[in-house]
């Protein structure tokens, strides 16, 4: 039985790290700028802790995926839900 080629750790770790950092930065920026009606320091804290939570959740979800297809599926669903949640939180039109 031939061995199935997998998405190795050599490519998985840099990809997961890059995507989670980009998503965390976008989340922090959106929360910091988009929350209306809050004090500036509260928006800053929301952006920092929201970015930290999103980055860590995406990183763990991607690294625990068994293969590349599951990793791409998890990433797609997570980014879709993140976009919808941020749109609802910040009142994006």
Protein backbone atom coordinates (compact mmCIF):
# COMPACT_ATOMS: atom_id res chain seq x y z
CA UNK A 1 0.00 0.00 0.00
CA UNK A 2 1.56 3.32 -1.03
CA UNK A 3 2.03 5.89 1.64
CA UNK A 4 -0.22 8.93 1.32
CA UNK A 5 1.56 12.23 0.89
CA UNK A 6 0.66 14.59 3.72
CA UNK A 7 0.94 18.28 4.31
CA UNK A 8 4.11 18.19 6.41
CA UNK A 9 5.05 20.21 9.43
CA UNK A 10 7.68 22.05 7.41
CA UNK A 11 4.90 23.91 5.58
CA UNK A 12 2.13 23.68 8.16
CA UNK A 13 3.77 25.69 10.95
CA UNK A 14 4.80 28.76 8.90
CA UNK A 15 1.45 28.78 7.09
CA UNK A 16 -0.55 28.48 10.31
CA UNK A 17 1.54 31.14 12.03
CA UNK A 18 1.26 33.58 9.13
CA UNK A 19 -2.49 33.19 8.70
CA UNK A 20 -3.22 33.47 12.41
CA UNK A 21 -1.04 36.59 12.73
CA UNK A 22 -2.78 38.25 9.78
CA UNK A 23 -6.22 37.38 11.16
CA UNK A 24 -5.23 38.60 14.63
CA UNK A 25 -3.94 41.90 13.26
CA UNK A 26 -7.09 42.44 11.20
CA UNK A 27 -9.29 41.60 14.19
CA UNK A 28 -7.40 43.97 16.48
CA UNK A 29 -7.57 46.75 13.94
CA UNK A 30 -11.28 46.23 13.28
CA UNK A 31 -12.17 46.12 16.97
CA UNK A 32 -10.02 49.12 17.86
CA UNK A 33 -11.39 51.32 15.10
CA UNK A 34 -14.89 49.94 14.72
CA UNK A 35 -16.40 49.83 18.19
CA UNK A 36 -18.48 52.98 18.42
CA UNK A 37 -19.64 54.42 21.71
CA UNK A 38 -16.81 53.09 23.85
CA UNK A 39 -13.94 54.93 25.47
CA UNK A 40 -10.64 54.80 23.54
CA UNK A 41 -8.92 52.71 26.20
CA UNK A 42 -11.77 50.19 26.18
CA UNK A 43 -11.52 49.91 22.40
CA UNK A 44 -7.77 49.39 22.68
CA UNK A 45 -8.22 46.60 25.23
CA UNK A 46 -10.94 45.00 23.11
CA UNK A 47 -8.62 45.09 20.10
CA UNK A 48 -5.64 43.66 21.98
CA UNK A 49 -7.46 40.85 23.74
CA UNK A 50 -9.65 40.08 20.73
CA UNK A 51 -6.56 39.80 18.54
CA UNK A 52 -4.84 37.56 21.07
CA UNK A 53 -7.86 35.26 21.37
CA UNK A 54 -8.42 35.00 17.61
CA UNK A 55 -4.74 34.41 16.88
CA UNK A 56 -4.39 31.65 19.45
CA UNK A 57 -7.64 29.93 18.50
CA UNK A 58 -6.75 29.89 14.82
CA UNK A 59 -3.23 28.70 15.49
CA UNK A 60 -4.37 25.82 17.68
CA UNK A 61 -7.17 24.83 15.28
CA UNK A 62 -4.80 24.79 12.31
CA UNK A 63 -2.00 22.90 14.02
CA UNK A 64 -4.32 20.22 15.39
CA UNK A 65 -5.86 19.48 11.99
CA UNK A 66 -4.97 15.97 10.78
CA UNK A 67 -4.30 16.91 7.14
CA UNK A 68 -4.29 19.79 4.68
CA UNK A 69 -7.94 19.42 3.71
CA UNK A 70 -9.11 19.62 7.31
CA UNK A 71 -6.78 22.54 7.92
CA UNK A 72 -8.17 24.47 4.95
CA UNK A 73 -11.74 23.67 5.96
CA UNK A 74 -11.22 24.79 9.54
CA UNK A 75 -9.50 27.94 8.39
CA UNK A 76 -12.25 28.81 5.93
CA UNK A 77 -15.05 28.27 8.45
CA UNK A 78 -13.18 30.16 11.17
CA UNK A 79 -12.48 33.18 8.96
CA UNK A 80 -16.07 33.25 7.71
CA UNK A 81 -17.44 33.21 11.26
CA UNK A 82 -14.87 35.79 12.34
CA UNK A 83 -15.90 38.13 9.54
CA UNK A 84 -19.56 37.76 10.38
CA UNK A 85 -18.96 38.31 14.10
CA UNK A 86 -16.83 41.39 13.50
CA UNK A 87 -19.42 42.76 11.10
CA UNK A 88 -22.11 42.40 13.75
CA UNK A 89 -19.95 43.82 16.54
CA UNK A 90 -18.72 46.87 14.72
CA UNK A 91 -21.89 47.61 12.77
CA UNK A 92 -20.26 47.32 9.35
CA UNK A 93 -22.65 47.95 6.47
